[in-house]
Amino acid sequence: MIEYEELRNDIDHYLIILFEYHKVSIYLKLKG
């Protein structure tokens, strides 16, 4: 159960990073 929780946290973290990266790439595209 603990392993599952850790895995979920890792996935959440990964999704947040992915989302931030996506926002930055869109911003850069619009900018230039």
C-alpha atoms as a PDB file:
ATOM      1  CA  MET A   1       0.000   0.000   0.000  1.00  0.00           C
ATOM      2  CA  ILE A   2       2.839   2.381   0.859  1.00  0.00           C
ATOM      3  CA  GLU A   3       4.521   1.577  -2.450  1.00  0.00           C
ATOM      4  CA  TYR A   4       1.301   2.450  -4.244  1.00  0.00           C
ATOM      5  CA  GLU A   5       1.143   5.821  -2.481  1.00  0.00           C
ATOM      6  CA  GLU A   6       4.738   6.577  -3.434  1.00  0.00           C
ATOM      7  CA  LEU A   7       4.033   5.608  -7.022  1.00  0.00           C
ATOM      8  CA  ARG A   8       1.022   7.902  -7.103  1.00  0.00           C
ATOM      9  CA  ASN A   9       3.085  10.777  -5.743  1.00  0.00           C
ATOM     10  CA  ASP A  10       5.725  10.161  -8.411  1.00  0.00           C
ATOM     11  CA  ILE A  11       3.066  10.164 -11.121  1.00  0.00           C
ATOM     12  CA  ASP A  12       1.533  13.384  -9.787  1.00  0.00           C
ATOM     13  CA  HIS A  13       4.977  14.988  -9.704  1.00  0.00           C
ATOM     14  CA  TYR A  14       5.688  13.832 -13.248  1.00  0.00           C
ATOM     15  CA  LEU A  15       2.382  15.199 -14.530  1.00  0.00           C
ATOM     16  CA  ILE A  16       3.009  18.565 -12.884  1.00  0.00           C
ATOM     17  CA  ILE A  17       6.456  18.783 -14.505  1.00  0.00           C
ATOM     18  CA  LEU A  18       4.984  17.758 -17.857  1.00  0.00           C
ATOM     19  CA  PHE A  19       2.258  20.398 -17.549  1.00  0.00           C
ATOM     20  CA  GLU A  20       4.755  23.137 -16.667  1.00  0.00           C
ATOM     21  CA  TYR A  21       6.968  22.136 -19.585  1.00  0.00           C
ATOM     22  CA  HIS A  22       3.962  22.235 -21.908  1.00  0.00           C
ATOM     23  CA  LYS A  23       3.021  25.729 -20.730  1.00  0.00           C
ATOM     24  CA  VAL A  24       6.564  26.996 -21.255  1.00  0.00           C
ATOM     25  CA  SER A  25       6.798  25.532 -24.757  1.00  0.00           C
ATOM     26  CA  ILE A  26       3.464  27.111 -25.751  1.00  0.00           C
ATOM     27  CA  TYR A  27       4.612  30.434 -24.305  1.00  0.00           C
ATOM     28  CA  LEU A  28       7.859  30.279 -26.267  1.00  0.00           C
ATOM     29  CA  LYS A  29       5.994  29.419 -29.457  1.00  0.00           C
ATOM     30  CA  LEU A  30       3.654  32.388 -29.055  1.00  0.00           C
ATOM     31  CA  LYS A  31       6.524  34.676 -28.172  1.00  0.00           C
ATOM     32  CA  GLY A  32       8.782  33.922 -31.057  1.00  0.00           C
END
